[in-house]
Structures are given as structure tokens and as C-alpha cells.
Amino acid sequence: MSAPVFQISNLTVTAGPRKLLSGVSFDIPPGGVFGLIGPSGAGKSTLLKCLNRLIVLTPGLRVSGQIRFQGSEIYASGVNGDDLRTRIGMLFQQPVVFPKSILANVLFGVRHLGRIPSAEWPTVAEEALRSAALWDEVKDRLKQPAGRLSTGQQQRLCLARTLASRPEVILMDEPTSALDPRSTEAIEELILRLKTKHSIVLVTHNLRQARKVCDRVAFVAAREESGQLLACGTCAEVLARGDVPELTAYAAEM
């Protein structure tokens, strides 16, 4: 069996005296899509941001426990956050496009990191836009403002920007919640395609979506006023659990 891509041990996140997450421990296998499901406010997005140390950029939060990425502790001293986030990209709930051209948006991270020679940038941009199923729609207007794209196109542009940096893992925080059904389906199809080349960790409130794209899921819910991991396994295994009242209530609401 392949070694886990992430090993999370006793992860706890606190904001002053309040615990947002408490004692979370589980492994994420390499490849495929691993889903984080559960009610709003349970700490799923907080947990996701812990996986690439984005959480440390939020003032007032303290992280304890251990997260190992491909065997190495990511919160160890000397770990460069920018380097880590290059390897572990992220797609947010709302598309974040910069007031620049479509091409400049795709290459934003590539330019910032400076690891890919500029002579390769056109190829990198085309490959990323093709992987995000956006190339055919924008190839003749790459120098136009990205803000002119539809919301669904903007989300795929953000995905292309992430892919351009050639990450090993992609974190996705409810990437379809702001999209219409057609754009949602397009993103879901992209997830299914991308999981053959990348490990994907997906936060979703949509159980239909979890059943469609996730190979395994973790159910996170509030218990004793803090987010806790209450079940983990395949989607079918987790939703069949009758011994977790929070899970039963959650599934009934969906």
C-alpha cells in the first residue's frame, strides 16, 4: 500500500480560549479525491487551510499537533510556506481574479516564484488552461481583462493559475458553491480528470457531489463545542454509520 500523502495527528486549532478543531487524526492516501464533509461551522475549511499552512496567515489562531506531508512535518522550523504552497495548491470558494489580463492571471504564481524560465511561460499557460478546460474559450483573448469572464470561467481560470505552478496536491474549498448547475458540473468533471494526476482534498457541503467525485471522506462536526473527526471511510461506509448522531442529522438535512 502506498504511503499517505498527509498524516494528521492530534491536530488542534484554537482561537484564544476556543477550540475550532480538537484532536483530529487521520491519513489521506495519495491520488484520488478525499472529501471533507459536515455541517457549516464545524471547522472543515480551517482543517483544509492547515494542510498547506495557510492557517498561519490568520492572526490569533494557534495550531498544535502534527501534519506530515509525504513524510515531512510541515510545521517544523525552517519549512518555507511559499515553497510548501507551491507543492500544495488551493482553489477557494469564490474565484479570486486579479485586475490583470487572463494570461497574467494564469502566470501570476509562476512569475512570483521564478522557477520556470520565461521562455516556457506561453507553453505553461496553454497547458494549464487546457487542463482547466478553458483554453478553447479564451485562446483568442488572452490579453483581455480576466474580470470580463463569467463566474464559472473565473473559477476555472483560478484552477489554471494553480495548475500552472505544477502542484502535487490541490486543496479545494467548496469550489462550486458560487456556481450555477452547468458550471458546477464542469468543475466536477475537471476534478474527476485531475485526480488521475493529482491528490485532491475537497471541502463540500453537497452529498451528491461527494458521492460523485470522492473516493474517501471524513465527516467533521461540532461536538463539545469544537470541531472533531467523527467518521472516515468511503462515502458509502460513512453515510451508513448509524452510531454517529451528528452524521444521521446531517444526512437527513441534505
Protein backbone atom coordinates (compact mmCIF):
# COMPACT_ATOMS: atom_id res chain seq x y z
CA MET A 1 0.00 0.00 0.00
CA SER A 2 1.30 3.48 -0.86
CA ALA A 3 2.33 5.77 1.98
CA PRO A 4 -0.19 8.50 2.90
CA VAL A 5 0.27 11.88 1.26
CA PHE A 6 -0.84 13.50 4.55
CA GLN A 7 -0.63 12.13 8.09
CA ILE A 8 -2.59 14.27 10.55
CA SER A 9 -2.05 13.57 14.25
CA ASN A 10 -3.91 15.23 17.13
CA LEU A 11 -4.44 18.45 15.16
CA THR A 12 -5.93 21.18 17.34
CA VAL A 13 -6.61 24.77 16.31
CA THR A 14 -7.51 27.38 18.92
CA ALA A 15 -8.67 30.99 18.76
CA GLY A 16 -7.98 32.33 22.22
CA PRO A 17 -9.77 30.03 24.67
CA ARG A 18 -11.99 28.50 21.97
CA LYS A 19 -11.09 25.29 20.15
CA LEU A 20 -12.04 25.38 16.47
CA LEU A 21 -10.68 21.84 15.95
CA SER A 22 -9.83 19.34 18.64
CA GLY A 23 -7.64 16.23 18.44
CA VAL A 24 -8.16 15.48 14.74
CA SER A 25 -6.18 12.45 13.48
CA PHE A 26 -6.42 10.65 10.12
CA ASP A 27 -4.42 9.84 6.99
CA ILE A 28 -5.08 10.97 3.42
CA PRO A 29 -3.97 8.44 0.78
CA PRO A 30 -2.18 9.58 -2.39
CA GLY A 31 -4.14 10.05 -5.60
CA GLY A 32 -7.89 10.36 -5.94
CA VAL A 33 -10.23 12.76 -4.15
CA PHE A 34 -10.51 12.93 -0.36
CA GLY A 35 -13.61 14.80 0.80
CA LEU A 36 -14.20 16.77 4.00
CA ILE A 37 -17.94 16.83 4.69
CA GLY A 38 -20.05 18.05 7.59
CA PRO A 39 -22.24 20.94 8.74
CA SER A 40 -21.26 24.60 8.43
CA GLY A 41 -19.07 25.94 11.19
CA ALA A 42 -17.55 22.58 12.07
CA GLY A 43 -14.02 23.57 11.02
CA LYS A 44 -13.66 21.92 7.61
CA SER A 45 -12.18 24.99 5.93
CA THR A 46 -9.92 25.56 8.93
CA LEU A 47 -8.69 21.98 8.63
CA LEU A 48 -8.09 22.41 4.89
CA LYS A 49 -6.01 25.56 5.44
CA CYS A 50 -3.87 23.67 7.94
CA LEU A 51 -2.72 21.30 5.19
CA ASN A 52 -0.66 23.96 3.39
CA ARG A 53 -0.02 26.25 6.39
CA LEU A 54 -2.32 28.94 5.04
CA ILE A 55 -3.83 28.94 8.52
CA VAL A 56 -0.76 30.63 9.99
CA LEU A 57 -1.59 33.78 7.99
CA THR A 58 -4.78 34.24 10.09
CA PRO A 59 -3.97 36.35 13.18
CA GLY A 60 -4.95 34.92 16.56
CA LEU A 61 -5.04 31.24 15.61
CA ARG A 62 -2.72 28.68 17.18
CA VAL A 63 -2.03 25.25 15.68
CA SER A 64 -0.79 22.24 17.65
CA GLY A 65 -0.39 18.58 16.78
CA GLN A 66 1.39 17.28 13.70
CA ILE A 67 0.84 17.25 9.95
CA ARG A 68 3.25 15.29 7.80
CA PHE A 69 3.24 15.82 4.04
CA GLN A 70 4.94 12.96 2.21
CA GLY A 71 6.66 12.04 5.45
CA SER A 72 7.94 15.50 6.43
CA GLU A 73 6.49 17.67 9.22
CA ILE A 74 5.16 20.86 7.61
CA TYR A 75 5.13 22.91 10.83
CA ALA A 76 8.78 22.22 11.58
CA SER A 77 11.08 25.22 11.83
CA GLY A 78 12.75 26.07 8.56
CA VAL A 79 9.85 25.00 6.33
CA ASN A 80 9.20 27.70 3.73
CA GLY A 81 5.47 28.39 3.45
CA ASP A 82 5.64 29.68 -0.12
CA ASP A 83 7.54 26.58 -1.24
CA LEU A 84 5.00 24.36 0.50
CA ARG A 85 2.04 26.15 -1.08
CA THR A 86 3.63 25.70 -4.50
CA ARG A 87 3.50 21.96 -3.95
CA ILE A 88 0.05 22.12 -2.32
CA GLY A 89 -2.11 24.50 -4.37
CA MET A 90 -5.53 25.80 -3.34
CA LEU A 91 -8.81 26.72 -5.01
CA PHE A 92 -11.16 28.88 -2.94
CA GLN A 93 -14.92 29.11 -2.61
CA GLN A 94 -15.14 32.40 -4.51
CA PRO A 95 -12.96 32.90 -7.60
CA VAL A 96 -10.20 35.41 -6.90
CA VAL A 97 -9.03 37.06 -10.12
CA PHE A 98 -6.57 39.92 -10.24
CA PRO A 99 -7.24 43.15 -12.21
CA LYS A 100 -4.95 41.91 -14.94
CA SER A 101 -5.23 40.05 -18.22
CA ILE A 102 -6.29 36.41 -18.46
CA LEU A 103 -2.70 35.46 -19.31
CA ALA A 104 -1.22 37.46 -16.43
CA ASN A 105 -3.65 35.76 -14.03
CA VAL A 106 -2.60 32.30 -15.18
CA LEU A 107 1.09 33.14 -14.82
CA PHE A 108 0.83 35.12 -11.57
CA GLY A 109 2.25 32.39 -9.33
CA VAL A 110 4.78 31.28 -11.93
CA ARG A 111 6.17 34.82 -12.21
CA HIS A 112 6.26 35.24 -8.42
CA LEU A 113 8.15 32.00 -7.81
CA GLY A 114 10.58 32.48 -10.69
CA ARG A 115 11.33 28.78 -11.07
CA ILE A 116 10.17 28.31 -14.65
CA PRO A 117 12.16 30.12 -17.38
CA SER A 118 10.16 32.90 -19.04
CA ALA A 119 10.67 31.25 -22.44
CA GLU A 120 8.43 28.42 -21.21
CA TRP A 121 5.62 30.63 -19.92
CA PRO A 122 3.45 30.51 -23.06
CA THR A 123 3.57 26.71 -23.04
CA VAL A 124 2.90 26.58 -19.30
CA ALA A 125 -0.10 28.91 -19.67
CA GLU A 126 -1.59 26.90 -22.54
CA GLU A 127 -1.13 23.60 -20.72
CA ALA A 128 -2.76 24.99 -17.57
CA LEU A 129 -5.70 26.48 -19.46
CA ARG A 130 -6.21 23.24 -21.37
CA SER A 131 -6.13 21.25 -18.13
CA ALA A 132 -8.78 23.60 -16.72
CA ALA A 133 -10.91 23.18 -19.89
CA LEU A 134 -10.68 26.91 -20.59
CA TRP A 135 -8.19 27.19 -23.47
CA ASP A 136 -10.70 26.99 -26.33
CA GLU A 137 -12.83 29.72 -24.72
CA VAL A 138 -10.03 32.24 -24.12
CA LYS A 139 -7.15 31.47 -26.52
CA ASP A 140 -8.04 34.44 -28.76
CA ARG A 141 -8.38 36.96 -25.90
CA LEU A 142 -5.56 36.17 -23.51
CA LYS A 143 -4.69 39.85 -23.15
CA GLN A 144 -8.23 40.88 -22.23
CA PRO A 145 -9.13 41.59 -18.56
CA ALA A 146 -9.92 38.45 -16.58
CA GLY A 147 -12.81 40.30 -14.93
CA ARG A 148 -14.81 40.02 -18.16
CA LEU A 149 -15.10 36.24 -17.76
CA SER A 150 -18.20 34.65 -16.27
CA THR A 151 -18.04 33.42 -12.67
CA GLY A 152 -17.68 29.83 -13.84
CA GLN A 153 -14.88 30.78 -16.23
CA GLN A 154 -13.17 32.77 -13.48
CA GLN A 155 -13.17 29.71 -11.22
CA ARG A 156 -11.61 27.62 -13.99
CA LEU A 157 -9.07 30.43 -14.51
CA CYS A 158 -8.17 30.22 -10.82
CA LEU A 159 -7.75 26.48 -11.24
CA ALA A 160 -5.48 27.08 -14.25
CA ARG A 161 -3.40 29.50 -12.16
CA THR A 162 -2.99 26.82 -9.51
CA LEU A 163 -2.11 24.16 -12.09
CA ALA A 164 0.48 26.41 -13.77
CA SER A 165 2.70 26.09 -10.69
CA ARG A 166 2.58 22.29 -11.13
CA PRO A 167 1.38 21.31 -7.65
CA GLU A 168 1.39 17.75 -6.36
CA VAL A 169 -1.79 18.30 -4.30
CA ILE A 170 -4.78 20.57 -4.89
CA LEU A 171 -6.93 21.73 -1.97
CA MET A 172 -10.45 22.83 -2.92
CA ASP A 173 -12.69 24.74 -0.52
CA GLU A 174 -16.28 24.38 -1.79
CA PRO A 175 -15.20 25.36 -5.31
CA THR A 176 -18.71 25.10 -6.80
CA SER A 177 -20.81 26.79 -4.10
CA ALA A 178 -20.91 30.10 -6.03
CA LEU A 179 -21.59 28.48 -9.41
CA ASP A 180 -24.67 27.64 -11.45
CA PRO A 181 -25.50 23.96 -12.12
CA ARG A 182 -23.79 23.90 -15.52
CA SER A 183 -20.56 25.40 -14.19
CA THR A 184 -20.74 23.09 -11.18
CA GLU A 185 -20.91 20.07 -13.45
CA ALA A 186 -17.93 21.38 -15.44
CA ILE A 187 -15.82 21.70 -12.28
CA GLU A 188 -16.87 18.23 -11.10
CA GLU A 189 -15.82 16.72 -14.42
CA LEU A 190 -12.49 18.52 -14.11
CA ILE A 191 -11.99 17.09 -10.62
CA LEU A 192 -12.57 13.58 -11.93
CA ARG A 193 -10.00 14.18 -14.66
CA LEU A 194 -7.43 15.87 -12.45
CA LYS A 195 -7.49 13.17 -9.77
CA THR A 196 -5.58 10.85 -12.09
CA LYS A 197 -2.56 13.18 -11.85
CA HIS A 198 -3.01 14.96 -8.52
CA SER A 199 -4.12 14.20 -4.99
CA ILE A 200 -7.18 16.36 -4.29
CA VAL A 201 -8.67 17.31 -0.93
CA LEU A 202 -12.18 18.73 -1.34
CA VAL A 203 -14.42 20.51 1.17
CA THR A 204 -18.04 20.12 0.09
CA HIS A 205 -21.48 20.52 1.66
CA ASN A 206 -23.05 18.71 -1.27
CA LEU A 207 -23.51 14.99 -0.60
CA ARG A 208 -24.44 14.37 -4.22
CA GLN A 209 -21.11 15.88 -5.18
CA ALA A 210 -19.27 13.86 -2.54
CA ARG A 211 -20.81 10.65 -3.85
CA LYS A 212 -19.89 11.58 -7.42
CA VAL A 213 -16.25 12.63 -7.05
CA CYS A 214 -14.85 11.47 -3.69
CA ASP A 215 -13.00 8.21 -3.18
CA ARG A 216 -12.95 8.65 0.60
CA VAL A 217 -14.45 11.19 3.00
CA ALA A 218 -14.00 12.41 6.55
CA PHE A 219 -17.04 13.67 8.47
CA VAL A 220 -16.24 16.65 10.70
CA ALA A 221 -18.83 18.07 13.09
CA ALA A 222 -19.02 20.07 16.31
CA ARG A 223 -19.01 18.01 19.48
CA GLU A 224 -18.43 19.53 22.91
CA GLU A 225 -18.22 22.93 21.16
CA SER A 226 -15.26 22.08 18.93
CA GLY A 227 -14.84 20.51 15.51
CA GLN A 228 -13.96 16.83 15.69
CA LEU A 229 -13.47 13.98 13.23
CA LEU A 230 -16.39 11.62 13.81
CA ALA A 231 -16.19 9.20 10.84
CA CYS A 232 -13.85 8.34 7.98
CA GLY A 233 -14.03 5.90 5.06
CA THR A 234 -15.66 5.62 1.67
CA CYS A 235 -18.72 7.81 1.17
CA ALA A 236 -20.99 4.76 1.36
CA GLU A 237 -19.32 3.49 4.54
CA VAL A 238 -19.52 6.85 6.29
CA LEU A 239 -23.14 7.57 5.35
CA ALA A 240 -24.14 4.08 6.52
CA ARG A 241 -22.87 4.76 10.04
CA GLY A 242 -25.81 4.70 12.41
CA ASP A 243 -23.77 5.19 15.56
CA VAL A 244 -22.93 8.88 14.97
CA PRO A 245 -26.00 11.03 15.74
CA GLU A 246 -24.43 14.15 14.20
CA LEU A 247 -23.96 12.26 10.94
CA THR A 248 -27.53 10.97 10.94
CA ALA A 249 -28.86 14.50 11.46
CA TYR A 250 -26.57 15.93 8.78
CA ALA A 251 -27.54 13.33 6.17
CA ALA A 252 -31.24 13.91 6.92
CA GLU A 253 -30.86 17.64 6.20
CA MET A 254 -29.12 17.14 2.86
